[in-house]
Amino acid sequence: MSTHAAAIPQLTPTALNVAGVPLKDAVWLHAESRLTLVQKLATERGAAILKHVRSYLSP
């Protein structure tokens, strides 16, 4: 798992929202589900979340 993906479970939906992730997507990422975090990040919605986080973390 990449450094960015490993950091995501430590972030709250609010912190993800500050990084530019729409709140409904941030909540979805943390919601209980039959999908694992890795499976969620592999979806189109998950890829969009990672894109927001990467751009927020990049200088």
Protein backbone atom coordinates (compact mmCIF):
# COMPACT_ATOMS: atom_id res chain seq x y z
CA MET A 1 0.00 0.00 0.00
CA SER A 2 1.32 3.47 -0.77
CA THR A 3 2.20 5.96 1.92
CA HIS A 4 -0.85 8.06 1.06
CA ALA A 5 -3.25 5.13 1.26
CA ALA A 6 -1.74 3.99 4.56
CA ALA A 7 -2.37 7.44 6.04
CA ILE A 8 -6.03 7.59 5.06
CA PRO A 9 -7.43 5.44 7.92
CA GLN A 10 -5.84 7.93 10.34
CA LEU A 11 -7.79 10.81 8.79
CA THR A 12 -11.29 11.61 9.91
CA PRO A 13 -14.00 12.45 7.37
CA THR A 14 -13.58 16.09 8.43
CA ALA A 15 -9.83 16.02 7.74
CA LEU A 16 -10.45 14.43 4.34
CA ASN A 17 -13.01 17.16 3.64
CA VAL A 18 -10.41 19.82 4.42
CA ALA A 19 -8.16 18.09 1.87
CA GLY A 20 -10.86 18.66 -0.74
CA VAL A 21 -12.69 15.35 -0.56
CA PRO A 22 -16.47 15.87 -0.68
CA LEU A 23 -17.83 15.08 2.81
CA LYS A 24 -20.22 12.38 1.52
CA ASP A 25 -17.25 10.58 -0.06
CA ALA A 26 -15.14 10.94 3.09
CA VAL A 27 -17.94 9.47 5.18
CA TRP A 28 -18.39 6.65 2.64
CA LEU A 29 -14.68 5.78 2.88
CA HIS A 30 -14.93 5.37 6.67
CA ALA A 31 -18.37 3.73 6.78
CA GLU A 32 -18.70 0.10 7.79
CA SER A 33 -18.98 -1.97 4.65
CA ARG A 34 -18.34 -5.39 3.24
CA LEU A 35 -15.64 -3.73 1.15
CA THR A 36 -12.18 -3.31 2.63
CA LEU A 37 -10.37 0.03 2.47
CA VAL A 38 -8.21 -1.27 -0.38
CA GLN A 39 -11.30 -2.41 -2.32
CA LYS A 40 -12.93 0.98 -1.80
CA LEU A 41 -9.81 2.81 -2.99
CA ALA A 42 -9.78 0.62 -6.10
CA THR A 43 -13.17 2.01 -7.17
CA GLU A 44 -13.63 5.13 -9.27
CA ARG A 45 -14.91 6.95 -6.19
CA GLY A 46 -11.87 5.84 -4.19
CA ALA A 47 -9.50 6.97 -6.94
CA ALA A 48 -11.09 10.43 -6.82
CA ILE A 49 -10.56 10.55 -3.04
CA LEU A 50 -6.90 9.60 -3.45
CA LYS A 51 -6.48 12.27 -6.11
CA HIS A 52 -7.77 14.93 -3.69
CA VAL A 53 -5.53 13.70 -0.87
CA ARG A 54 -2.44 13.49 -3.09
CA SER A 55 -2.92 17.01 -4.41
CA TYR A 56 -3.45 18.28 -0.85
CA LEU A 57 -0.30 16.57 0.42
CA SER A 58 1.87 17.61 -2.53
CA PRO A 59 3.87 20.80 -2.15
